[in-house]
Amino acid sequence: MKPVRTRPLQSADAEALLTFELDNREWFESHIDARGSAFYSVQGVTDHIAAYLADFTAGTSHPFVIEDDGGNIVGR
């Protein structure tokens, strides 16, 4: 198994997270309800991250991403 690391989700992750979500959309939608089309844009993911970070500030969640050794998001 290749090394991975976890780290907190950041506002600056919008484009990388969008790429991850688009690359894996078919798999996600086979396991969970499909997200609306507005989600699949930089603004949609930016809004999504902002909501998760607000939950973090409120102490109700701890959003994170999983990166491979090249710094690419491979999980969340």
PDB file of N, CA and C in Angstrom:
ATOM      1  N   MET A   1       0.843  -1.182   0.000  1.00  0.00           N
ATOM      2  CA  MET A   1       0.000   0.000   0.000  1.00  0.00           C
ATOM      3  C   MET A   1       0.887   1.243   0.000  1.00  0.00           C
ATOM      4  N   LYS A   2       0.522   2.192  -0.818  1.00  0.00           N
ATOM      5  CA  LYS A   2       1.283   3.435  -0.881  1.00  0.00           C
ATOM      6  C   LYS A   2       0.946   4.303   0.326  1.00  0.00           C
ATOM      7  N   PRO A   3       1.906   5.130   0.758  1.00  0.00           N
ATOM      8  CA  PRO A   3       1.649   5.974   1.929  1.00  0.00           C
ATOM      9  C   PRO A   3       0.605   7.046   1.638  1.00  0.00           C
ATOM     10  N   VAL A   4      -0.206   7.333   2.650  1.00  0.00           N
ATOM     11  CA  VAL A   4      -1.191   8.408   2.599  1.00  0.00           C
ATOM     12  C   VAL A   4      -1.092   9.200   3.890  1.00  0.00           C
ATOM     13  N   ARG A   5      -1.694  10.380   3.883  1.00  0.00           N
ATOM     14  CA  ARG A   5      -1.754  11.170   5.109  1.00  0.00           C
ATOM     15  C   ARG A   5      -3.122  11.825   5.191  1.00  0.00           C
ATOM     16  N   THR A   6      -3.558  12.102   6.379  1.00  0.00           N
ATOM     17  CA  THR A   6      -4.794  12.845   6.572  1.00  0.00           C
ATOM     18  C   THR A   6      -4.443  14.229   7.067  1.00  0.00           C
ATOM     19  N   ARG A   7      -5.307  15.174   6.705  1.00  0.00           N
ATOM     20  CA  ARG A   7      -5.131  16.537   7.185  1.00  0.00           C
ATOM     21  C   ARG A   7      -6.488  17.228   7.154  1.00  0.00           C
ATOM     22  N   PRO A   8      -6.631  18.300   7.918  1.00  0.00           N
ATOM     23  CA  PRO A   8      -7.909  19.021   7.924  1.00  0.00           C
ATOM     24  C   PRO A   8      -8.251  19.580   6.543  1.00  0.00           C
ATOM     25  N   LEU A   9      -9.529  19.563   6.237  1.00  0.00           N
ATOM     26  CA  LEU A   9     -10.045  20.189   5.023  1.00  0.00           C
ATOM     27  C   LEU A   9      -9.805  21.696   5.111  1.00  0.00           C
ATOM     28  N   GLN A  10      -9.440  22.310   3.991  1.00  0.00           N
ATOM     29  CA  GLN A  10      -9.165  23.749   3.949  1.00  0.00           C
ATOM     30  C   GLN A  10      -9.932  24.394   2.802  1.00  0.00           C
ATOM     31  N   SER A  11     -10.201  25.670   2.943  1.00  0.00           N
ATOM     32  CA  SER A  11     -10.882  26.418   1.880  1.00  0.00           C
ATOM     33  C   SER A  11     -10.131  26.308   0.561  1.00  0.00           C
ATOM     34  N   ALA A  12      -8.817  26.274   0.631  1.00  0.00           N
ATOM     35  CA  ALA A  12      -7.990  26.217  -0.577  1.00  0.00           C
ATOM     36  C   ALA A  12      -8.091  24.883  -1.316  1.00  0.00           C
ATOM     37  N   ASP A  13      -8.816  23.922  -0.766  1.00  0.00           N
ATOM     38  CA  ASP A  13      -8.935  22.603  -1.380  1.00  0.00           C
ATOM     39  C   ASP A  13     -10.018  22.520  -2.447  1.00  0.00           C
ATOM     40  N   ALA A  14     -10.711  23.612  -2.732  1.00  0.00           N
ATOM     41  CA  ALA A  14     -11.890  23.554  -3.611  1.00  0.00           C
ATOM     42  C   ALA A  14     -11.595  22.909  -4.967  1.00  0.00           C
ATOM     43  N   GLU A  15     -10.594  23.348  -5.663  1.00  0.00           N
ATOM     44  CA  GLU A  15     -10.332  22.803  -7.001  1.00  0.00           C
ATOM     45  C   GLU A  15      -9.888  21.342  -6.938  1.00  0.00           C
ATOM     46  N   ALA A  16      -9.017  21.013  -5.997  1.00  0.00           N
ATOM     47  CA  ALA A  16      -8.553  19.626  -5.873  1.00  0.00           C
ATOM     48  C   ALA A  16      -9.694  18.710  -5.439  1.00  0.00           C
ATOM     49  N   LEU A  17     -10.556  19.195  -4.544  1.00  0.00           N
ATOM     50  CA  LEU A  17     -11.682  18.383  -4.105  1.00  0.00           C
ATOM     51  C   LEU A  17     -12.694  18.209  -5.238  1.00  0.00           C
ATOM     52  N   LEU A  18     -12.905  19.245  -6.029  1.00  0.00           N
ATOM     53  CA  LEU A  18     -13.790  19.127  -7.179  1.00  0.00           C
ATOM     54  C   LEU A  18     -13.262  18.064  -8.143  1.00  0.00           C
ATOM     55  N   THR A  19     -11.979  18.072  -8.423  1.00  0.00           N
ATOM     56  CA  THR A  19     -11.381  17.056  -9.294  1.00  0.00           C
ATOM     57  C   THR A  19     -11.617  15.668  -8.733  1.00  0.00           C
ATOM     58  N   PHE A  20     -11.378  15.486  -7.436  1.00  0.00           N
ATOM     59  CA  PHE A  20     -11.608  14.198  -6.782  1.00  0.00           C
ATOM     60  C   PHE A  20     -13.069  13.775  -6.912  1.00  0.00           C
ATOM     61  N   GLU A  21     -13.977  14.702  -6.645  1.00  0.00           N
ATOM     62  CA  GLU A  21     -15.411  14.383  -6.721  1.00  0.00           C
ATOM     63  C   GLU A  21     -15.832  14.013  -8.143  1.00  0.00           C
ATOM     64  N   LEU A  22     -15.341  14.748  -9.128  1.00  0.00           N
ATOM     65  CA  LEU A  22     -15.681  14.439 -10.523  1.00  0.00           C
ATOM     66  C   LEU A  22     -15.089  13.099 -10.958  1.00  0.00           C
ATOM     67  N   ASP A  23     -13.837  12.851 -10.579  1.00  0.00           N
ATOM     68  CA  ASP A  23     -13.181  11.592 -10.954  1.00  0.00           C
ATOM     69  C   ASP A  23     -13.886  10.378 -10.365  1.00  0.00           C
ATOM     70  N   ASN A  24     -14.535  10.559  -9.220  1.00  0.00           N
ATOM     71  CA  ASN A  24     -15.150   9.440  -8.507  1.00  0.00           C
ATOM     72  C   ASN A  24     -16.675   9.521  -8.455  1.00  0.00           C
ATOM     73  N   ARG A  25     -17.246  10.420  -9.226  1.00  0.00           N
ATOM     74  CA  ARG A  25     -18.690  10.667  -9.177  1.00  0.00           C
ATOM     75  C   ARG A  25     -19.505   9.391  -9.404  1.00  0.00           C
ATOM     76  N   GLU A  26     -19.164   8.622 -10.399  1.00  0.00           N
ATOM     77  CA  GLU A  26     -19.927   7.411 -10.707  1.00  0.00           C
ATOM     78  C   GLU A  26     -19.925   6.453  -9.525  1.00  0.00           C
ATOM     79  N   TRP A  27     -18.780   6.271  -8.906  1.00  0.00           N
ATOM     80  CA  TRP A  27     -18.684   5.369  -7.754  1.00  0.00           C
ATOM     81  C   TRP A  27     -19.535   5.892  -6.599  1.00  0.00           C
ATOM     82  N   PHE A  28     -19.388   7.205  -6.283  1.00  0.00           N
ATOM     83  CA  PHE A  28     -20.173   7.780  -5.187  1.00  0.00           C
ATOM     84  C   PHE A  28     -21.664   7.598  -5.428  1.00  0.00           C
ATOM     85  N   GLU A  29     -22.097   7.884  -6.642  1.00  0.00           N
ATOM     86  CA  GLU A  29     -23.528   7.835  -6.939  1.00  0.00           C
ATOM     87  C   GLU A  29     -24.069   6.409  -6.964  1.00  0.00           C
ATOM     88  N   SER A  30     -23.183   5.420  -6.983  1.00  0.00           N
ATOM     89  CA  SER A  30     -23.646   4.036  -6.871  1.00  0.00           C
ATOM     90  C   SER A  30     -23.839   3.648  -5.401  1.00  0.00           C
ATOM     91  N   HIS A  31     -23.375   4.504  -4.471  1.00  0.00           N
ATOM     92  CA  HIS A  31     -23.459   4.192  -3.039  1.00  0.00           C
ATOM     93  C   HIS A  31     -24.281   5.198  -2.230  1.00  0.00           C
ATOM     94  N   ILE A  32     -24.387   6.417  -2.701  1.00  0.00           N
ATOM     95  CA  ILE A  32     -25.145   7.448  -1.989  1.00  0.00           C
ATOM     96  C   ILE A  32     -26.027   8.193  -2.987  1.00  0.00           C
ATOM     97  N   ASP A  33     -26.978   8.939  -2.476  1.00  0.00           N
ATOM     98  CA  ASP A  33     -27.820   9.743  -3.361  1.00  0.00           C
ATOM     99  C   ASP A  33     -26.958  10.731  -4.139  1.00  0.00           C
ATOM    100  N   ALA A  34     -27.297  10.922  -5.391  1.00  0.00           N
ATOM    101  CA  ALA A  34     -26.552  11.842  -6.255  1.00  0.00           C
ATOM    102  C   ALA A  34     -26.656  13.265  -5.725  1.00  0.00           C
ATOM    103  N   ARG A  35     -25.577  13.990  -5.835  1.00  0.00           N
ATOM    104  CA  ARG A  35     -25.575  15.418  -5.482  1.00  0.00           C
ATOM    105  C   ARG A  35     -26.179  16.185  -6.654  1.00  0.00           C
ATOM    106  N   GLY A  36     -26.699  17.370  -6.359  1.00  0.00           N
ATOM    107  CA  GLY A  36     -27.225  18.212  -7.421  1.00  0.00           C
ATOM    108  C   GLY A  36     -26.119  18.683  -8.350  1.00  0.00           C
ATOM    109  N   SER A  37     -26.480  19.041  -9.553  1.00  0.00           N
ATOM    110  CA  SER A  37     -25.480  19.457 -10.539  1.00  0.00           C
ATOM    111  C   SER A  37     -24.722  20.710 -10.095  1.00  0.00           C
ATOM    112  N   ALA A  38     -25.335  21.561  -9.285  1.00  0.00           N
ATOM    113  CA  ALA A  38     -24.662  22.778  -8.813  1.00  0.00           C
ATOM    114  C   ALA A  38     -23.444  22.465  -7.941  1.00  0.00           C
ATOM    115  N   PHE A  39     -23.456  21.293  -7.300  1.00  0.00           N
ATOM    116  CA  PHE A  39     -22.314  20.902  -6.476  1.00  0.00           C
ATOM    117  C   PHE A  39     -21.048  20.772  -7.309  1.00  0.00           C
ATOM    118  N   TYR A  40     -21.178  20.291  -8.537  1.00  0.00           N
ATOM    119  CA  TYR A  40     -20.018  19.969  -9.372  1.00  0.00           C
ATOM    120  C   TYR A  40     -19.480  21.193 -10.115  1.00  0.00           C
ATOM    121  N   SER A  41     -19.108  22.191  -9.339  1.00  0.00           N
ATOM    122  CA  SER A  41     -18.478  23.412  -9.838  1.00  0.00           C
ATOM    123  C   SER A  41     -17.561  23.919  -8.728  1.00  0.00           C
ATOM    124  N   VAL A  42     -16.626  24.784  -9.072  1.00  0.00           N
ATOM    125  CA  VAL A  42     -15.743  25.326  -8.033  1.00  0.00           C
ATOM    126  C   VAL A  42     -16.578  26.032  -6.964  1.00  0.00           C
ATOM    127  N   GLN A  43     -17.591  26.796  -7.378  1.00  0.00           N
ATOM    128  CA  GLN A  43     -18.417  27.492  -6.397  1.00  0.00           C
ATOM    129  C   GLN A  43     -19.206  26.508  -5.540  1.00  0.00           C
ATOM    130  N   GLY A  44     -19.735  25.464  -6.149  1.00  0.00           N
ATOM    131  CA  GLY A  44     -20.478  24.469  -5.393  1.00  0.00           C
ATOM    132  C   GLY A  44     -19.630  23.782  -4.343  1.00  0.00           C
ATOM    133  N   VAL A  45     -18.418  23.406  -4.711  1.00  0.00           N
ATOM    134  CA  VAL A  45     -17.523  22.753  -3.753  1.00  0.00           C
ATOM    135  C   VAL A  45     -17.034  23.766  -2.716  1.00  0.00           C
ATOM    136  N   THR A  46     -16.805  25.002  -3.130  1.00  0.00           N
ATOM    137  CA  THR A  46     -16.414  26.047  -2.175  1.00  0.00           C
ATOM    138  C   THR A  46     -17.498  26.223  -1.115  1.00  0.00           C
ATOM    139  N   ASP A  47     -18.757  26.261  -1.537  1.00  0.00           N
ATOM    140  CA  ASP A  47     -19.872  26.378  -0.595  1.00  0.00           C
ATOM    141  C   ASP A  47     -19.942  25.155   0.321  1.00  0.00           C
ATOM    142  N   HIS A  48     -19.733  23.982  -0.239  1.00  0.00           N
ATOM    143  CA  HIS A  48     -19.733  22.734   0.519  1.00  0.00           C
ATOM    144  C   HIS A  48     -18.640  22.755   1.592  1.00  0.00           C
ATOM    145  N   ILE A  49     -17.443  23.173   1.213  1.00  0.00           N
ATOM    146  CA  ILE A  49     -16.335  23.263   2.165  1.00  0.00           C
ATOM    147  C   ILE A  49     -16.671  24.271   3.261  1.00  0.00           C
ATOM    148  N   ALA A  50     -17.216  25.418   2.887  1.00  0.00           N
ATOM    149  CA  ALA A  50     -17.568  26.441   3.877  1.00  0.00           C
ATOM    150  C   ALA A  50     -18.547  25.886   4.908  1.00  0.00           C
ATOM    151  N   ALA A  51     -19.521  25.098   4.460  1.00  0.00           N
ATOM    152  CA  ALA A  51     -20.488  24.503   5.386  1.00  0.00           C
ATOM    153  C   ALA A  51     -19.796  23.516   6.329  1.00  0.00           C
ATOM    154  N   TYR A  52     -18.903  22.708   5.793  1.00  0.00           N
ATOM    155  CA  TYR A  52     -18.174  21.760   6.633  1.00  0.00           C
ATOM    156  C   TYR A  52     -17.268  22.483   7.628  1.00  0.00           C
ATOM    157  N   LEU A  53     -16.618  23.553   7.192  1.00  0.00           N
ATOM    158  CA  LEU A  53     -15.750  24.298   8.106  1.00  0.00           C
ATOM    159  C   LEU A  53     -16.559  25.022   9.178  1.00  0.00           C
ATOM    160  N   ALA A  54     -17.776  25.457   8.851  1.00  0.00           N
ATOM    161  CA  ALA A  54     -18.657  26.053   9.859  1.00  0.00           C
ATOM    162  C   ALA A  54     -19.038  25.001  10.904  1.00  0.00           C
ATOM    163  N   ASP A  55     -19.301  23.780  10.454  1.00  0.00           N
ATOM    164  CA  ASP A  55     -19.585  22.692  11.397  1.00  0.00           C
ATOM    165  C   ASP A  55     -18.375  22.408  12.278  1.00  0.00           C
ATOM    166  N   PHE A  56     -17.191  22.480  11.706  1.00  0.00           N
ATOM    167  CA  PHE A  56     -15.964  22.273  12.481  1.00  0.00           C
ATOM    168  C   PHE A  56     -15.834  23.349  13.548  1.00  0.00           C
ATOM    169  N   THR A  57     -16.056  24.607  13.160  1.00  0.00           N
ATOM    170  CA  THR A  57     -15.979  25.716  14.112  1.00  0.00           C
ATOM    171  C   THR A  57     -16.997  25.530  15.242  1.00  0.00           C
ATOM    172  N   ALA A  58     -18.157  25.006  14.903  1.00  0.00           N
ATOM    173  CA  ALA A  58     -19.204  24.766  15.890  1.00  0.00           C
ATOM    174  C   ALA A  58     -18.923  23.526  16.745  1.00  0.00           C
ATOM    175  N   GLY A  59     -17.914  22.765  16.365  1.00  0.00           N
ATOM    176  CA  GLY A  59     -17.557  21.569  17.127  1.00  0.00           C
ATOM    177  C   GLY A  59     -18.420  20.360  16.834  1.00  0.00           C
ATOM    178  N   THR A  60     -19.108  20.368  15.688  1.00  0.00           N
ATOM    179  CA  THR A  60     -20.001  19.251  15.368  1.00  0.00           C
ATOM    180  C   THR A  60     -19.430  18.273  14.352  1.00  0.00           C
ATOM    181  N   SER A  61     -18.288  18.587  13.764  1.00  0.00           N
ATOM    182  CA  SER A  61     -17.645  17.664  12.829  1.00  0.00           C
ATOM    183  C   SER A  61     -16.164  17.980  12.741  1.00  0.00           C
ATOM    184  N   HIS A  62     -15.447  17.070  12.137  1.00  0.00           N
ATOM    185  CA  HIS A  62     -14.010  17.281  11.907  1.00  0.00           C
ATOM    186  C   HIS A  62     -13.706  16.849  10.477  1.00  0.00           C
ATOM    187  N   PRO A  63     -13.934  17.754   9.511  1.00  0.00           N
ATOM    188  CA  PRO A  63     -13.715  17.393   8.111  1.00  0.00           C
ATOM    189  C   PRO A  63     -12.224  17.267   7.791  1.00  0.00           C
ATOM    190  N   PHE A  64     -11.897  16.246   7.036  1.00  0.00           N
ATOM    191  CA  PHE A  64     -10.505  16.040   6.655  1.00  0.00           C
ATOM    192  C   PHE A  64     -10.447  15.465   5.247  1.00  0.00           C
ATOM    193  N   VAL A  65      -9.265  15.497   4.675  1.00  0.00           N
ATOM    194  CA  VAL A  65      -9.010  14.845   3.398  1.00  0.00           C
ATOM    195  C   VAL A  65      -7.870  13.854   3.584  1.00  0.00           C
ATOM    196  N   ILE A  66      -7.827  12.893   2.685  1.00  0.00           N
ATOM    197  CA  ILE A  66      -6.747  11.914   2.642  1.00  0.00           C
ATOM    198  C   ILE A  66      -5.979  12.188   1.359  1.00  0.00           C
ATOM    199  N   GLU A  67      -4.676  12.332   1.490  1.00  0.00           N
ATOM    200  CA  GLU A  67      -3.814  12.619   0.335  1.00  0.00           C
ATOM    201  C   GLU A  67      -2.835  11.483   0.110  1.00  0.00           C
ATOM    202  N   ASP A  68      -2.505  11.260  -1.169  1.00  0.00           N
ATOM    203  CA  ASP A  68      -1.448  10.303  -1.481  1.00  0.00           C
ATOM    204  C   ASP A  68      -0.096  10.989  -1.310  1.00  0.00           C
ATOM    205  N   ASP A  69       0.969  10.269  -1.582  1.00  0.00           N
ATOM    206  CA  ASP A  69       2.301  10.839  -1.373  1.00  0.00           C
ATOM    207  C   ASP A  69       2.633  11.961  -2.345  1.00  0.00           C
ATOM    208  N   GLY A  70       1.789  12.164  -3.358  1.00  0.00           N
ATOM    209  CA  GLY A  70       1.970  13.273  -4.291  1.00  0.00           C
ATOM    210  C   GLY A  70       1.132  14.488  -3.942  1.00  0.00           C
ATOM    211  N   GLY A  71       0.385  14.409  -2.838  1.00  0.00           N
ATOM    212  CA  GLY A  71      -0.447  15.522  -2.412  1.00  0.00           C
ATOM    213  C   GLY A  71      -1.811  15.575  -3.090  1.00  0.00           C
ATOM    214  N   ASN A  72      -2.195  14.507  -3.786  1.00  0.00           N
ATOM    215  CA  ASN A  72      -3.497  14.445  -4.454  1.00  0.00           C
ATOM    216  C   ASN A  72      -4.545  13.915  -3.488  1.00  0.00           C
ATOM    217  N   ILE A  73      -5.726  14.522  -3.495  1.00  0.00           N
ATOM    218  CA  ILE A  73      -6.804  14.049  -2.632  1.00  0.00           C
ATOM    219  C   ILE A  73      -7.289  12.704  -3.160  1.00  0.00           C
ATOM    220  N   VAL A  74      -7.278  11.700  -2.271  1.00  0.00           N
ATOM    221  CA  VAL A  74      -7.730  10.365  -2.637  1.00  0.00           C
ATOM    222  C   VAL A  74      -8.877   9.881  -1.745  1.00  0.00           C
ATOM    223  N   GLY A  75      -9.294  10.710  -0.810  1.00  0.00           N
ATOM    224  CA  GLY A  75     -10.385  10.360   0.089  1.00  0.00           C
ATOM    225  C   GLY A  75     -10.740  11.547   0.942  1.00  0.00           C
ATOM    226  N   ARG A  76     -11.890  11.390   1.629  1.00  0.00           N
ATOM    227  CA  ARG A  76     -12.338  12.455   2.528  1.00  0.00           C
ATOM    228  C   ARG A  76     -13.186  11.905   3.621  1.00  0.00           C
TER     229      ARG A  76
END
